[in-house]
């Protein structure tokens, strides 16, 4: 099975510590060679097509497209949410309160 990384996934690998990036690449290659070897660490995603591979505190979001394993996103646990369609939490804009960020209190 061939492995294809999106730009975001490749960037995430380059920005993380070298030992963790090496461990993640090894697990992805191991899964590509024998999917049954990582069966207990893979779950199908709900609400969108694809799968999640658990590697320690990191998660790899991927999709199998025929003979190609497409690596879509890589990030720490909790970096992906359902509400913002699986984008990184840091990429979504912050919501501001209309009154300058303070809650209204009665005195």
PDB file of N, CA and C in Angstrom:
ATOM      1  N   UNK A   1       0.847  -1.175   0.000  1.00  0.00           N
ATOM      2  CA  UNK A   1       0.000   0.000   0.000  1.00  0.00           C
ATOM      3  C   UNK A   1       0.893   1.239   0.000  1.00  0.00           C
ATOM      4  N   UNK A   2       0.600   2.200  -0.875  1.00  0.00           N
ATOM      5  CA  UNK A   2       1.360   3.443  -0.932  1.00  0.00           C
ATOM      6  C   UNK A   2       0.855   4.409   0.126  1.00  0.00           C
ATOM      7  N   UNK A   3       1.731   5.304   0.584  1.00  0.00           N
ATOM      8  CA  UNK A   3       1.381   6.290   1.604  1.00  0.00           C
ATOM      9  C   UNK A   3       1.516   7.679   0.988  1.00  0.00           C
ATOM     10  N   UNK A   4       0.462   8.498   1.102  1.00  0.00           N
ATOM     11  CA  UNK A   4       0.478   9.874   0.600  1.00  0.00           C
ATOM     12  C   UNK A   4       0.116  10.811   1.754  1.00  0.00           C
ATOM     13  N   UNK A   5       0.949  11.833   1.978  1.00  0.00           N
ATOM     14  CA  UNK A   5       0.730  12.806   3.043  1.00  0.00           C
ATOM     15  C   UNK A   5       0.181  14.106   2.456  1.00  0.00           C
ATOM     16  N   UNK A   6      -0.805  14.698   3.136  1.00  0.00           N
ATOM     17  CA  UNK A   6      -1.247  16.035   2.748  1.00  0.00           C
ATOM     18  C   UNK A   6      -0.194  17.027   3.216  1.00  0.00           C
ATOM     19  N   UNK A   7      -0.285  18.248   2.714  1.00  0.00           N
ATOM     20  CA  UNK A   7       0.666  19.291   3.110  1.00  0.00           C
ATOM     21  C   UNK A   7       0.599  19.539   4.611  1.00  0.00           C
ATOM     22  N   UNK A   8      -0.609  19.575   5.164  1.00  0.00           N
ATOM     23  CA  UNK A   8      -0.776  19.819   6.599  1.00  0.00           C
ATOM     24  C   UNK A   8      -0.153  18.695   7.430  1.00  0.00           C
ATOM     25  N   UNK A   9      -0.317  17.448   6.996  1.00  0.00           N
ATOM     26  CA  UNK A   9       0.246  16.318   7.730  1.00  0.00           C
ATOM     27  C   UNK A   9       1.774  16.332   7.661  1.00  0.00           C
ATOM     28  N   UNK A  10       2.331  16.627   6.492  1.00  0.00           N
ATOM     29  CA  UNK A  10       3.789  16.689   6.349  1.00  0.00           C
ATOM     30  C   UNK A  10       4.365  17.821   7.198  1.00  0.00           C
ATOM     31  N   UNK A  11       3.670  18.962   7.243  1.00  0.00           N
ATOM     32  CA  UNK A  11       4.127  20.094   8.048  1.00  0.00           C
ATOM     33  C   UNK A  11       4.101  19.745   9.528  1.00  0.00           C
ATOM     34  N   UNK A  12       3.046  19.037   9.952  1.00  0.00           N
ATOM     35  CA  UNK A  12       2.933  18.642  11.360  1.00  0.00           C
ATOM     36  C   UNK A  12       4.078  17.717  11.753  1.00  0.00           C
ATOM     37  N   UNK A  13       4.456  16.798  10.865  1.00  0.00           N
ATOM     38  CA  UNK A  13       5.578  15.900  11.149  1.00  0.00           C
ATOM     39  C   UNK A  13       6.889  16.663  11.280  1.00  0.00           C
ATOM     40  N   UNK A  14       7.079  17.674  10.428  1.00  0.00           N
ATOM     41  CA  UNK A  14       8.327  18.445  10.475  1.00  0.00           C
ATOM     42  C   UNK A  14       8.423  19.306  11.724  1.00  0.00           C
ATOM     43  N   UNK A  15       7.292  19.727  12.276  1.00  0.00           N
ATOM     44  CA  UNK A  15       7.300  20.627  13.418  1.00  0.00           C
ATOM     45  C   UNK A  15       7.364  19.917  14.772  1.00  0.00           C
ATOM     46  N   UNK A  16       7.131  18.615  14.797  1.00  0.00           N
ATOM     47  CA  UNK A  16       7.154  17.899  16.075  1.00  0.00           C
ATOM     48  C   UNK A  16       8.563  17.368  16.370  1.00  0.00           C
ATOM     49  N   UNK A  17       8.826  16.946  17.601  1.00  0.00           N
ATOM     50  CA  UNK A  17      10.141  16.388  17.937  1.00  0.00           C
ATOM     51  C   UNK A  17      10.498  15.214  17.021  1.00  0.00           C
ATOM     52  N   UNK A  18      11.768  15.116  16.659  1.00  0.00           N
ATOM     53  CA  UNK A  18      12.231  14.121  15.688  1.00  0.00           C
ATOM     54  C   UNK A  18      11.923  12.692  16.125  1.00  0.00           C
ATOM     55  N   UNK A  19      12.071  12.389  17.408  1.00  0.00           N
ATOM     56  CA  UNK A  19      11.816  11.017  17.857  1.00  0.00           C
ATOM     57  C   UNK A  19      10.342  10.646  17.730  1.00  0.00           C
ATOM     58  N   UNK A  20       9.439  11.608  17.975  1.00  0.00           N
ATOM     59  CA  UNK A  20       8.007  11.324  17.840  1.00  0.00           C
ATOM     60  C   UNK A  20       7.628  11.206  16.369  1.00  0.00           C
ATOM     61  N   UNK A  21       8.192  12.043  15.520  1.00  0.00           N
ATOM     62  CA  UNK A  21       7.909  11.970  14.081  1.00  0.00           C
ATOM     63  C   UNK A  21       8.363  10.625  13.521  1.00  0.00           C
ATOM     64  N   UNK A  22       9.511  10.152  13.980  1.00  0.00           N
ATOM     65  CA  UNK A  22      10.027   8.857  13.528  1.00  0.00           C
ATOM     66  C   UNK A  22       9.105   7.721  13.982  1.00  0.00           C
ATOM     67  N   UNK A  23       8.615   7.812  15.220  1.00  0.00           N
ATOM     68  CA  UNK A  23       7.707   6.792  15.757  1.00  0.00           C
ATOM     69  C   UNK A  23       6.380   6.775  14.983  1.00  0.00           C
ATOM     70  N   UNK A  24       5.864   7.970  14.661  1.00  0.00           N
ATOM     71  CA  UNK A  24       4.599   8.063  13.918  1.00  0.00           C
ATOM     72  C   UNK A  24       4.770   7.502  12.516  1.00  0.00           C
ATOM     73  N   UNK A  25       5.866   7.871  11.832  1.00  0.00           N
ATOM     74  CA  UNK A  25       6.109   7.342  10.486  1.00  0.00           C
ATOM     75  C   UNK A  25       6.219   5.817  10.511  1.00  0.00           C
ATOM     76  N   UNK A  26       6.888   5.276  11.521  1.00  0.00           N
ATOM     77  CA  UNK A  26       7.053   3.821  11.630  1.00  0.00           C
ATOM     78  C   UNK A  26       5.693   3.135  11.809  1.00  0.00           C
ATOM     79  N   UNK A  27       4.814   3.699  12.648  1.00  0.00           N
ATOM     80  CA  UNK A  27       3.492   3.102  12.873  1.00  0.00           C
ATOM     81  C   UNK A  27       2.628   3.190  11.619  1.00  0.00           C
ATOM     82  N   UNK A  28       2.732   4.300  10.885  1.00  0.00           N
ATOM     83  CA  UNK A  28       1.973   4.434   9.639  1.00  0.00           C
ATOM     84  C   UNK A  28       2.445   3.391   8.629  1.00  0.00           C
ATOM     85  N   UNK A  29       3.763   3.227   8.496  1.00  0.00           N
ATOM     86  CA  UNK A  29       4.309   2.230   7.571  1.00  0.00           C
ATOM     87  C   UNK A  29       3.928   0.815   7.992  1.00  0.00           C
ATOM     88  N   UNK A  30       3.920   0.569   9.303  1.00  0.00           N
ATOM     89  CA  UNK A  30       3.520  -0.742   9.818  1.00  0.00           C
ATOM     90  C   UNK A  30       2.050  -1.006   9.482  1.00  0.00           C
ATOM     91  N   UNK A  31       1.192  -0.005   9.635  1.00  0.00           N
ATOM     92  CA  UNK A  31      -0.223  -0.163   9.302  1.00  0.00           C
ATOM     93  C   UNK A  31      -0.407  -0.383   7.800  1.00  0.00           C
ATOM     94  N   UNK A  32       0.349   0.343   6.978  1.00  0.00           N
ATOM     95  CA  UNK A  32       0.236   0.198   5.524  1.00  0.00           C
ATOM     96  C   UNK A  32       0.638  -1.209   5.085  1.00  0.00           C
ATOM     97  N   UNK A  33       1.647  -1.779   5.731  1.00  0.00           N
ATOM     98  CA  UNK A  33       2.106  -3.120   5.377  1.00  0.00           C
ATOM     99  C   UNK A  33       1.136  -4.201   5.859  1.00  0.00           C
ATOM    100  N   UNK A  34       0.587  -4.030   7.071  1.00  0.00           N
ATOM    101  CA  UNK A  34      -0.306  -5.034   7.653  1.00  0.00           C
ATOM    102  C   UNK A  34      -1.349  -4.347   8.533  1.00  0.00           C
ATOM    103  N   UNK A  35      -2.515  -3.997   7.984  1.00  0.00           N
ATOM    104  CA  UNK A  35      -3.536  -3.295   8.769  1.00  0.00           C
ATOM    105  C   UNK A  35      -3.975  -4.029  10.034  1.00  0.00           C
ATOM    106  N   UNK A  36      -3.922  -5.339  10.040  1.00  0.00           N
ATOM    107  CA  UNK A  36      -4.332  -6.103  11.223  1.00  0.00           C
ATOM    108  C   UNK A  36      -3.394  -5.874  12.404  1.00  0.00           C
ATOM    109  N   UNK A  37      -2.143  -5.466  12.144  1.00  0.00           N
ATOM    110  CA  UNK A  37      -1.178  -5.268  13.226  1.00  0.00           C
ATOM    111  C   UNK A  37      -1.548  -4.099  14.125  1.00  0.00           C
ATOM    112  N   UNK A  38      -2.275  -3.115  13.611  1.00  0.00           N
ATOM    113  CA  UNK A  38      -2.659  -1.946  14.391  1.00  0.00           C
ATOM    114  C   UNK A  38      -4.169  -1.884  14.616  1.00  0.00           C
ATOM    115  N   UNK A  39      -4.863  -3.005  14.476  1.00  0.00           N
ATOM    116  CA  UNK A  39      -6.325  -3.023  14.538  1.00  0.00           C
ATOM    117  C   UNK A  39      -6.864  -2.473  15.857  1.00  0.00           C
ATOM    118  N   UNK A  40      -6.170  -2.688  16.958  1.00  0.00           N
ATOM    119  CA  UNK A  40      -6.672  -2.204  18.242  1.00  0.00           C
ATOM    120  C   UNK A  40      -6.440  -0.700  18.428  1.00  0.00           C
ATOM    121  N   UNK A  41      -5.664  -0.059  17.551  1.00  0.00           N
ATOM    122  CA  UNK A  41      -5.396   1.372  17.647  1.00  0.00           C
ATOM    123  C   UNK A  41      -6.104   2.182  16.565  1.00  0.00           C
ATOM    124  N   UNK A  42      -6.934   1.545  15.757  1.00  0.00           N
ATOM    125  CA  UNK A  42      -7.613   2.223  14.651  1.00  0.00           C
ATOM    126  C   UNK A  42      -9.116   2.215  14.892  1.00  0.00           C
ATOM    127  N   UNK A  43      -9.742   3.387  14.697  1.00  0.00           N
ATOM    128  CA  UNK A  43     -11.193   3.498  14.811  1.00  0.00           C
ATOM    129  C   UNK A  43     -11.730   4.253  13.609  1.00  0.00           C
ATOM    130  N   UNK A  44     -12.918   3.875  13.168  1.00  0.00           N
ATOM    131  CA  UNK A  44     -13.591   4.594  12.090  1.00  0.00           C
ATOM    132  C   UNK A  44     -14.147   5.887  12.661  1.00  0.00           C
ATOM    133  N   UNK A  45     -14.012   6.980  11.924  1.00  0.00           N
ATOM    134  CA  UNK A  45     -14.514   8.266  12.377  1.00  0.00           C
ATOM    135  C   UNK A  45     -16.023   8.343  12.219  1.00  0.00           C
ATOM    136  N   UNK A  46     -16.650   9.068  13.116  1.00  0.00           N
ATOM    137  CA  UNK A  46     -18.086   9.306  13.033  1.00  0.00           C
ATOM    138  C   UNK A  46     -18.301  10.701  12.453  1.00  0.00           C
ATOM    139  N   UNK A  47     -19.271  10.833  11.562  1.00  0.00           N
ATOM    140  CA  UNK A  47     -19.588  12.142  11.015  1.00  0.00           C
ATOM    141  C   UNK A  47     -18.790  12.542   9.791  1.00  0.00           C
ATOM    142  N   UNK A  48     -17.834  11.746   9.416  1.00  0.00           N
ATOM    143  CA  UNK A  48     -17.049  12.010   8.211  1.00  0.00           C
ATOM    144  C   UNK A  48     -16.347  10.732   7.804  1.00  0.00           C
ATOM    145  N   UNK A  49     -15.980  10.608   6.543  1.00  0.00           N
ATOM    146  CA  UNK A  49     -15.257   9.401   6.129  1.00  0.00           C
ATOM    147  C   UNK A  49     -13.828   9.416   6.652  1.00  0.00           C
ATOM    148  N   UNK A  50     -13.288   8.261   6.909  1.00  0.00           N
ATOM    149  CA  UNK A  50     -11.900   8.167   7.344  1.00  0.00           C
ATOM    150  C   UNK A  50     -11.744   7.382   8.631  1.00  0.00           C
ATOM    151  N   UNK A  51     -10.485   7.314   9.075  1.00  0.00           N
ATOM    152  CA  UNK A  51     -10.128   6.543  10.258  1.00  0.00           C
ATOM    153  C   UNK A  51      -9.168   7.345  11.118  1.00  0.00           C
ATOM    154  N   UNK A  52      -9.019   6.905  12.371  1.00  0.00           N
ATOM    155  CA  UNK A  52      -8.094   7.524  13.312  1.00  0.00           C
ATOM    156  C   UNK A  52      -7.130   6.458  13.822  1.00  0.00           C
ATOM    157  N   UNK A  53      -5.846   6.741  13.756  1.00  0.00           N
ATOM    158  CA  UNK A  53      -4.819   5.852  14.287  1.00  0.00           C
ATOM    159  C   UNK A  53      -4.249   6.498  15.542  1.00  0.00           C
ATOM    160  N   UNK A  54      -4.254   5.760  16.646  1.00  0.00           N
ATOM    161  CA  UNK A  54      -3.744   6.265  17.917  1.00  0.00           C
ATOM    162  C   UNK A  54      -2.288   5.851  18.071  1.00  0.00           C
ATOM    163  N   UNK A  55      -1.422   6.837  18.323  1.00  0.00           N
ATOM    164  CA  UNK A  55       0.002   6.580  18.557  1.00  0.00           C
ATOM    165  C   UNK A  55       0.399   7.380  19.788  1.00  0.00           C
ATOM    166  N   UNK A  56       0.318   6.769  20.943  1.00  0.00           N
ATOM    167  CA  UNK A  56       0.615   7.473  22.187  1.00  0.00           C
ATOM    168  C   UNK A  56      -0.367   8.613  22.388  1.00  0.00           C
ATOM    169  N   UNK A  57       0.147   9.835  22.565  1.00  0.00           N
ATOM    170  CA  UNK A  57      -0.701  11.007  22.737  1.00  0.00           C
ATOM    171  C   UNK A  57      -1.005  11.696  21.417  1.00  0.00           C
ATOM    172  N   UNK A  58      -0.603  11.105  20.304  1.00  0.00           N
ATOM    173  CA  UNK A  58      -0.849  11.688  18.984  1.00  0.00           C
ATOM    174  C   UNK A  58      -1.902  10.891  18.236  1.00  0.00           C
ATOM    175  N   UNK A  59      -2.582  11.571  17.311  1.00  0.00           N
ATOM    176  CA  UNK A  59      -3.591  10.938  16.479  1.00  0.00           C
ATOM    177  C   UNK A  59      -3.282  11.231  15.023  1.00  0.00           C
ATOM    178  N   UNK A  60      -3.499  10.219  14.183  1.00  0.00           N
ATOM    179  CA  UNK A  60      -3.322  10.350  12.737  1.00  0.00           C
ATOM    180  C   UNK A  60      -4.684  10.119  12.101  1.00  0.00           C
ATOM    181  N   UNK A  61      -5.171  11.107  11.371  1.00  0.00           N
ATOM    182  CA  UNK A  61      -6.434  10.992  10.648  1.00  0.00           C
ATOM    183  C   UNK A  61      -6.078  10.593   9.216  1.00  0.00           C
ATOM    184  N   UNK A  62      -6.637   9.478   8.757  1.00  0.00           N
ATOM    185  CA  UNK A  62      -6.295   8.987   7.425  1.00  0.00           C
ATOM    186  C   UNK A  62      -7.509   8.384   6.748  1.00  0.00           C
ATOM    187  N   UNK A  63      -7.347   8.119   5.456  1.00  0.00           N
ATOM    188  CA  UNK A  63      -8.396   7.489   4.669  1.00  0.00           C
ATOM    189  C   UNK A  63      -7.734   6.494   3.728  1.00  0.00           C
ATOM    190  N   UNK A  64      -8.390   5.361   3.521  1.00  0.00           N
ATOM    191  CA  UNK A  64      -7.888   4.358   2.582  1.00  0.00           C
ATOM    192  C   UNK A  64      -8.602   4.560   1.258  1.00  0.00           C
ATOM    193  N   UNK A  65      -7.834   4.835   0.223  1.00  0.00           N
ATOM    194  CA  UNK A  65      -8.395   5.073  -1.104  1.00  0.00           C
ATOM    195  C   UNK A  65      -7.775   4.077  -2.072  1.00  0.00           C
ATOM    196  N   UNK A  66      -8.368   2.888  -2.129  1.00  0.00           N
ATOM    197  CA  UNK A  66      -7.827   1.829  -2.976  1.00  0.00           C
ATOM    198  C   UNK A  66      -6.504   1.321  -2.423  1.00  0.00           C
ATOM    199  N   UNK A  67      -5.453   1.474  -3.202  1.00  0.00           N
ATOM    200  CA  UNK A  67      -4.124   1.031  -2.790  1.00  0.00           C
ATOM    201  C   UNK A  67      -3.316   2.159  -2.156  1.00  0.00           C
ATOM    202  N   UNK A  68      -3.965   3.296  -1.860  1.00  0.00           N
ATOM    203  CA  UNK A  68      -3.269   4.457  -1.299  1.00  0.00           C
ATOM    204  C   UNK A  68      -3.805   4.740   0.104  1.00  0.00           C
ATOM    205  N   UNK A  69      -2.891   4.922   1.042  1.00  0.00           N
ATOM    206  CA  UNK A  69      -3.228   5.323   2.402  1.00  0.00           C
ATOM    207  C   UNK A  69      -2.981   6.825   2.470  1.00  0.00           C
ATOM    208  N   UNK A  70      -4.047   7.617   2.480  1.00  0.00           N
ATOM    209  CA  UNK A  70      -3.932   9.084   2.475  1.00  0.00           C
ATOM    210  C   UNK A  70      -3.912   9.590   3.915  1.00  0.00           C
ATOM    211  N   UNK A  71      -2.777  10.149   4.334  1.00  0.00           N
ATOM    212  CA  UNK A  71      -2.627  10.710   5.675  1.00  0.00           C
ATOM    213  C   UNK A  71      -3.121  12.149   5.604  1.00  0.00           C
ATOM    214  N   UNK A  72      -4.234  12.440   6.277  1.00  0.00           N
ATOM    215  CA  UNK A  72      -4.870  13.748   6.177  1.00  0.00           C
ATOM    216  C   UNK A  72      -4.377  14.732   7.219  1.00  0.00           C
ATOM    217  N   UNK A  73      -4.314  14.313   8.480  1.00  0.00           N
ATOM    218  CA  UNK A  73      -3.886  15.196   9.561  1.00  0.00           C
ATOM    219  C   UNK A  73      -3.146  14.407  10.627  1.00  0.00           C
ATOM    220  N   UNK A  74      -2.209  15.079  11.278  1.00  0.00           N
ATOM    221  CA  UNK A  74      -1.471  14.500  12.392  1.00  0.00           C
ATOM    222  C   UNK A  74      -1.421  15.558  13.480  1.00  0.00           C
ATOM    223  N   UNK A  75      -1.738  15.168  14.710  1.00  0.00           N
ATOM    224  CA  UNK A  75      -1.697  16.143  15.793  1.00  0.00           C
ATOM    225  C   UNK A  75      -1.820  15.484  17.140  1.00  0.00           C
ATOM    226  N   UNK A  76      -1.614  16.265  18.202  1.00  0.00           N
ATOM    227  CA  UNK A  76      -1.755  15.724  19.547  1.00  0.00           C
ATOM    228  C   UNK A  76      -3.207  15.408  19.857  1.00  0.00           C
ATOM    229  N   UNK A  77      -3.399  14.522  20.791  1.00  0.00           N
ATOM    230  CA  UNK A  77      -4.744  14.135  21.208  1.00  0.00           C
ATOM    231  C   UNK A  77      -5.504  15.382  21.644  1.00  0.00           C
ATOM    232  N   UNK A  78      -6.732  15.515  21.198  1.00  0.00           N
ATOM    233  CA  UNK A  78      -7.539  16.668  21.570  1.00  0.00           C
ATOM    234  C   UNK A  78      -7.408  17.842  20.619  1.00  0.00           C
ATOM    235  N   UNK A  79      -6.542  17.757  19.629  1.00  0.00           N
ATOM    236  CA  UNK A  79      -6.353  18.877  18.702  1.00  0.00           C
ATOM    237  C   UNK A  79      -7.443  18.926  17.644  1.00  0.00           C
ATOM    238  N   UNK A  80      -8.218  17.867  17.497  1.00  0.00           N
ATOM    239  CA  UNK A  80      -9.264  17.816  16.501  1.00  0.00           C
ATOM    240  C   UNK A  80     -10.607  17.740  17.208  1.00  0.00           C
ATOM    241  N   UNK A  81     -11.563  18.505  16.725  1.00  0.00           N
ATOM    242  CA  UNK A  81     -12.894  18.475  17.318  1.00  0.00           C
ATOM    243  C   UNK A  81     -13.937  18.214  16.250  1.00  0.00           C
ATOM    244  N   UNK A  82     -15.102  17.763  16.665  1.00  0.00           N
ATOM    245  CA  UNK A  82     -16.177  17.492  15.710  1.00  0.00           C
ATOM    246  C   UNK A  82     -16.840  18.781  15.243  1.00  0.00           C
ATOM    247  N   UNK A  83     -16.888  19.783  16.114  1.00  0.00           N
ATOM    248  CA  UNK A  83     -17.635  20.997  15.794  1.00  0.00           C
ATOM    249  C   UNK A  83     -16.994  21.823  14.690  1.00  0.00           C
ATOM    250  N   UNK A  84     -15.686  21.800  14.576  1.00  0.00           N
ATOM    251  CA  UNK A  84     -15.057  22.610  13.535  1.00  0.00           C
ATOM    252  C   UNK A  84     -14.542  21.733  12.397  1.00  0.00           C
ATOM    253  N   UNK A  85     -15.254  20.689  12.080  1.00  0.00           N
ATOM    254  CA  UNK A  85     -14.999  19.767  10.966  1.00  0.00           C
ATOM    255  C   UNK A  85     -13.558  19.275  10.941  1.00  0.00           C
ATOM    256  N   UNK A  86     -13.065  18.905  12.083  1.00  0.00           N
ATOM    257  CA  UNK A  86     -11.768  18.255  12.233  1.00  0.00           C
ATOM    258  C   UNK A  86     -10.589  19.122  11.813  1.00  0.00           C
ATOM    259  N   UNK A  87     -10.717  20.418  11.967  1.00  0.00           N
ATOM    260  CA  UNK A  87      -9.581  21.300  11.736  1.00  0.00           C
ATOM    261  C   UNK A  87      -8.894  21.518  13.072  1.00  0.00           C
ATOM    262  N   UNK A  88      -7.679  21.974  13.023  1.00  0.00           N
ATOM    263  CA  UNK A  88      -6.943  22.239  14.246  1.00  0.00           C
ATOM    264  C   UNK A  88      -7.649  23.315  15.061  1.00  0.00           C
ATOM    265  N   UNK A  89      -7.668  23.183  16.365  1.00  0.00           N
ATOM    266  CA  UNK A  89      -8.339  24.169  17.206  1.00  0.00           C
ATOM    267  C   UNK A  89      -7.701  25.545  17.059  1.00  0.00           C
ATOM    268  N   UNK A  90      -6.408  25.586  16.807  1.00  0.00           N
ATOM    269  CA  UNK A  90      -5.733  26.871  16.706  1.00  0.00           C
ATOM    270  C   UNK A  90      -6.093  27.612  15.430  1.00  0.00           C
ATOM    271  N   UNK A  91      -6.660  26.926  14.436  1.00  0.00           N
ATOM    272  CA  UNK A  91      -6.982  27.594  13.186  1.00  0.00           C
ATOM    273  C   UNK A  91      -8.361  28.232  13.193  1.00  0.00           C
ATOM    274  N   UNK A  92      -9.188  27.922  14.183  1.00  0.00           N
ATOM    275  CA  UNK A  92     -10.526  28.514  14.207  1.00  0.00           C
ATOM    276  C   UNK A  92     -10.473  29.860  14.931  1.00  0.00           C
ATOM    277  N   UNK A  93     -11.193  30.853  14.432  1.00  0.00           N
ATOM    278  CA  UNK A  93     -11.158  32.177  15.064  1.00  0.00           C
ATOM    279  C   UNK A  93     -11.842  32.156  16.427  1.00  0.00           C
ATOM    280  N   UNK A  94     -11.360  32.999  17.321  1.00  0.00           N
ATOM    281  CA  UNK A  94     -11.942  33.084  18.659  1.00  0.00           C
ATOM    282  C   UNK A  94     -13.204  33.925  18.623  1.00  0.00           C
ATOM    283  N   UNK A  95     -14.166  33.523  19.414  1.00  0.00           N
ATOM    284  CA  UNK A  95     -15.409  34.272  19.521  1.00  0.00           C
ATOM    285  C   UNK A  95     -15.254  35.316  20.616  1.00  0.00           C
ATOM    286  N   UNK A  96     -15.667  36.540  20.349  1.00  0.00           N
ATOM    287  CA  UNK A  96     -15.609  37.596  21.347  1.00  0.00           C
ATOM    288  C   UNK A  96     -17.015  37.912  21.836  1.00  0.00           C
ATOM    289  N   UNK A  97     -17.091  38.256  23.093  1.00  0.00           N
ATOM    290  CA  UNK A  97     -18.373  38.665  23.646  1.00  0.00           C
ATOM    291  C   UNK A  97     -18.671  40.090  23.185  1.00  0.00           C
ATOM    292  N   UNK A  98     -19.939  40.406  22.973  1.00  0.00           N
ATOM    293  CA  UNK A  98     -20.280  41.732  22.456  1.00  0.00           C
ATOM    294  C   UNK A  98     -19.972  42.869  23.426  1.00  0.00           C
ATOM    295  N   UNK A  99     -19.874  42.605  24.717  1.00  0.00           N
ATOM    296  CA  UNK A  99     -19.628  43.673  25.684  1.00  0.00           C
ATOM    297  C   UNK A  99     -18.158  43.763  26.083  1.00  0.00           C
ATOM    298  N   UNK A 100     -17.260  43.436  25.201  1.00  0.00           N
ATOM    299  CA  UNK A 100     -15.834  43.600  25.478  1.00  0.00           C
ATOM    300  C   UNK A 100     -15.213  42.451  26.259  1.00  0.00           C
ATOM    301  N   UNK A 101     -15.900  41.346  26.396  1.00  0.00           N
ATOM    302  CA  UNK A 101     -15.326  40.185  27.061  1.00  0.00           C
ATOM    303  C   UNK A 101     -15.720  40.044  28.517  1.00  0.00           C
ATOM    304  N   UNK A 102     -16.470  41.000  29.033  1.00  0.00           N
ATOM    305  CA  UNK A 102     -16.895  40.922  30.435  1.00  0.00           C
ATOM    306  C   UNK A 102     -18.332  40.439  30.521  1.00  0.00           C
ATOM    307  N   UNK A 103     -18.581  39.633  31.502  1.00  0.00           N
ATOM    308  CA  UNK A 103     -19.959  39.189  31.683  1.00  0.00           C
ATOM    309  C   UNK A 103     -20.714  40.246  32.494  1.00  0.00           C
ATOM    310  N   UNK A 104     -21.976  40.376  32.233  1.00  0.00           N
ATOM    311  CA  UNK A 104     -22.790  41.362  32.959  1.00  0.00           C
ATOM    312  C   UNK A 104     -23.083  40.840  34.356  1.00  0.00           C
ATOM    313  N   UNK A 105     -22.787  41.655  35.341  1.00  0.00           N
ATOM    314  CA  UNK A 105     -23.038  41.258  36.729  1.00  0.00           C
ATOM    315  C   UNK A 105     -23.934  42.295  37.401  1.00  0.00           C
ATOM    316  N   UNK A 106     -24.761  41.792  38.262  1.00  0.00           N
ATOM    317  CA  UNK A 106     -25.565  42.697  39.057  1.00  0.00           C
ATOM    318  C   UNK A 106     -24.840  42.934  40.372  1.00  0.00           C
ATOM    319  N   UNK A 107     -24.846  44.168  40.797  1.00  0.00           N
ATOM    320  CA  UNK A 107     -24.163  44.506  42.031  1.00  0.00           C
ATOM    321  C   UNK A 107     -25.159  44.804  43.122  1.00  0.00           C
TER     322      UNK A 107
END
